[in-house]
Amino acid sequence: MKKLALAAALTVAASAAFAGGMVEPIMEPAVVEASTSSSAGGIVVPLLLLLVIAAAASS
């Protein structure tokens, strides 16, 4: 009975995998993100991390 259930599950999975047939792959257009510059210079995240560590250490 277990073998029959396994065979049925594999058959369903295999038929679902081949249901669409061969389709030409669709290439997504390349998205170029504009780099934004802030005056903080990337210092905000380390400062916030330092504050979180200090708060955890004080409690």
N, C-alpha and C. Protein backbone atom coordinates (compact mmCIF):
# COMPACT_ATOMS: atom_id res chain seq x y z
N MET A 1 0.82 -1.19 0.00
CA MET A 1 0.00 0.00 0.00
C MET A 1 0.86 1.26 0.00
N LYS A 2 1.97 1.21 0.78
CA LYS A 2 2.85 2.37 0.83
C LYS A 2 3.53 2.59 -0.52
N LYS A 3 3.88 1.50 -1.19
CA LYS A 3 4.53 1.62 -2.49
C LYS A 3 3.58 2.22 -3.52
N LEU A 4 2.30 1.86 -3.41
CA LEU A 4 1.31 2.40 -4.34
C LEU A 4 1.13 3.90 -4.12
N ALA A 5 1.10 4.31 -2.86
CA ALA A 5 0.95 5.73 -2.55
C ALA A 5 2.18 6.51 -3.01
N LEU A 6 3.37 5.94 -2.83
CA LEU A 6 4.60 6.59 -3.27
C LEU A 6 4.63 6.70 -4.80
N ALA A 7 4.21 5.65 -5.48
CA ALA A 7 4.17 5.68 -6.94
C ALA A 7 3.19 6.73 -7.44
N ALA A 8 2.05 6.84 -6.78
CA ALA A 8 1.06 7.84 -7.18
C ALA A 8 1.59 9.25 -6.95
N ALA A 9 2.27 9.46 -5.84
CA ALA A 9 2.81 10.79 -5.55
C ALA A 9 3.90 11.16 -6.56
N LEU A 10 4.76 10.22 -6.89
CA LEU A 10 5.81 10.49 -7.87
C LEU A 10 5.24 10.73 -9.26
N THR A 11 4.17 10.02 -9.60
CA THR A 11 3.52 10.22 -10.90
C THR A 11 2.92 11.62 -10.99
N VAL A 12 2.27 12.06 -9.93
CA VAL A 12 1.67 13.40 -9.92
C VAL A 12 2.76 14.45 -10.02
N ALA A 13 3.86 14.27 -9.28
CA ALA A 13 4.95 15.24 -9.33
C ALA A 13 5.60 15.28 -10.71
N ALA A 14 5.78 14.13 -11.32
CA ALA A 14 6.40 14.08 -12.64
C ALA A 14 5.50 14.68 -13.71
N SER A 15 4.20 14.42 -13.62
CA SER A 15 3.30 14.97 -14.63
C SER A 15 3.17 16.48 -14.47
N ALA A 16 3.25 16.98 -13.25
CA ALA A 16 3.19 18.42 -13.04
C ALA A 16 4.46 19.09 -13.54
N ALA A 17 5.59 18.40 -13.44
CA ALA A 17 6.85 18.98 -13.89
C ALA A 17 6.90 19.11 -15.40
N PHE A 18 6.29 18.18 -16.13
CA PHE A 18 6.33 18.19 -17.58
C PHE A 18 5.06 18.75 -18.21
N ALA A 19 4.16 19.29 -17.43
CA ALA A 19 2.88 19.74 -17.96
C ALA A 19 3.02 20.91 -18.92
N GLY A 20 3.98 21.79 -18.67
CA GLY A 20 4.11 22.97 -19.51
C GLY A 20 4.84 22.74 -20.81
N GLY A 21 5.63 21.70 -20.89
CA GLY A 21 6.41 21.45 -22.09
C GLY A 21 7.63 22.36 -22.14
N MET A 22 8.28 22.38 -23.29
CA MET A 22 9.48 23.20 -23.45
C MET A 22 9.07 24.61 -23.87
N VAL A 23 9.51 25.56 -23.11
CA VAL A 23 9.21 26.97 -23.39
C VAL A 23 10.53 27.72 -23.42
N GLU A 24 10.65 28.65 -24.36
CA GLU A 24 11.86 29.45 -24.43
C GLU A 24 12.00 30.28 -23.16
N PRO A 25 13.19 30.30 -22.57
CA PRO A 25 13.37 31.08 -21.34
C PRO A 25 13.19 32.57 -21.59
N ILE A 26 12.60 33.23 -20.64
CA ILE A 26 12.35 34.67 -20.74
C ILE A 26 13.44 35.39 -19.97
N MET A 27 14.14 36.27 -20.64
CA MET A 27 15.21 37.03 -19.99
C MET A 27 14.62 38.31 -19.41
N GLU A 28 14.88 38.52 -18.13
CA GLU A 28 14.42 39.75 -17.50
C GLU A 28 15.36 40.89 -17.91
N PRO A 29 14.81 42.07 -18.15
CA PRO A 29 15.70 43.19 -18.49
C PRO A 29 16.56 43.58 -17.28
N ALA A 30 17.78 43.95 -17.57
CA ALA A 30 18.70 44.33 -16.49
C ALA A 30 18.25 45.65 -15.89
N VAL A 31 18.15 45.68 -14.58
CA VAL A 31 17.74 46.88 -13.87
C VAL A 31 18.98 47.52 -13.27
N VAL A 32 19.24 48.75 -13.64
CA VAL A 32 20.39 49.47 -13.11
C VAL A 32 19.88 50.40 -12.04
N GLU A 33 20.36 50.18 -10.81
CA GLU A 33 19.93 51.02 -9.71
C GLU A 33 20.88 52.20 -9.57
N ALA A 34 20.30 53.34 -9.39
CA ALA A 34 21.13 54.53 -9.20
C ALA A 34 21.68 54.52 -7.78
N SER A 35 22.96 54.74 -7.68
CA SER A 35 23.56 54.75 -6.35
C SER A 35 23.29 56.09 -5.69
N THR A 36 22.80 56.02 -4.48
CA THR A 36 22.50 57.24 -3.75
C THR A 36 23.60 57.48 -2.73
N SER A 37 23.97 58.70 -2.59
CA SER A 37 25.02 59.05 -1.66
C SER A 37 24.42 59.91 -0.56
N SER A 38 24.78 59.57 0.66
CA SER A 38 24.29 60.37 1.77
C SER A 38 25.47 61.04 2.44
N SER A 39 25.19 62.06 3.20
CA SER A 39 26.26 62.78 3.87
C SER A 39 26.78 62.00 5.08
N ALA A 40 26.04 60.95 5.51
CA ALA A 40 26.47 60.19 6.68
C ALA A 40 27.68 59.33 6.36
N GLY A 41 27.86 58.95 5.12
CA GLY A 41 29.02 58.18 4.73
C GLY A 41 29.06 56.78 5.30
N GLY A 42 27.90 56.18 5.57
CA GLY A 42 27.86 54.82 6.07
C GLY A 42 28.21 54.68 7.54
N ILE A 43 28.07 55.73 8.31
CA ILE A 43 28.41 55.68 9.72
C ILE A 43 27.18 55.41 10.59
N VAL A 44 25.99 55.56 10.02
CA VAL A 44 24.77 55.43 10.81
C VAL A 44 24.58 54.00 11.31
N VAL A 45 24.77 53.01 10.46
CA VAL A 45 24.55 51.61 10.85
C VAL A 45 25.52 51.17 11.94
N PRO A 46 26.82 51.44 11.82
CA PRO A 46 27.72 51.05 12.92
C PRO A 46 27.38 51.74 14.24
N LEU A 47 26.96 53.01 14.18
CA LEU A 47 26.59 53.71 15.41
C LEU A 47 25.36 53.08 16.05
N LEU A 48 24.37 52.73 15.23
CA LEU A 48 23.18 52.08 15.77
C LEU A 48 23.52 50.72 16.37
N LEU A 49 24.41 49.99 15.71
CA LEU A 49 24.85 48.69 16.22
C LEU A 49 25.57 48.87 17.55
N LEU A 50 26.39 49.87 17.66
CA LEU A 50 27.11 50.15 18.90
C LEU A 50 26.12 50.51 20.02
N LEU A 51 25.09 51.27 19.69
CA LEU A 51 24.08 51.62 20.70
C LEU A 51 23.31 50.39 21.17
N VAL A 52 23.00 49.49 20.26
CA VAL A 52 22.28 48.27 20.63
C VAL A 52 23.15 47.40 21.52
N ILE A 53 24.42 47.29 21.20
CA ILE A 53 25.34 46.48 22.03
C ILE A 53 25.50 47.10 23.40
N ALA A 54 25.61 48.41 23.46
CA ALA A 54 25.74 49.10 24.75
C ALA A 54 24.48 48.92 25.59
N ALA A 55 23.31 48.99 24.97
CA ALA A 55 22.07 48.79 25.70
C ALA A 55 21.94 47.38 26.23
N ALA A 56 22.39 46.41 25.43
CA ALA A 56 22.33 45.02 25.87
C ALA A 56 23.32 44.76 27.00
N ALA A 57 24.48 45.41 26.95
CA ALA A 57 25.48 45.20 27.98
C ALA A 57 25.09 45.85 29.30
N SER A 58 24.33 46.94 29.23
CA SER A 58 23.97 47.66 30.46
C SER A 58 22.83 46.97 31.22
N SER A 59 22.10 46.11 30.56
CA SER A 59 20.97 45.47 31.26
C SER A 59 21.33 44.14 31.85
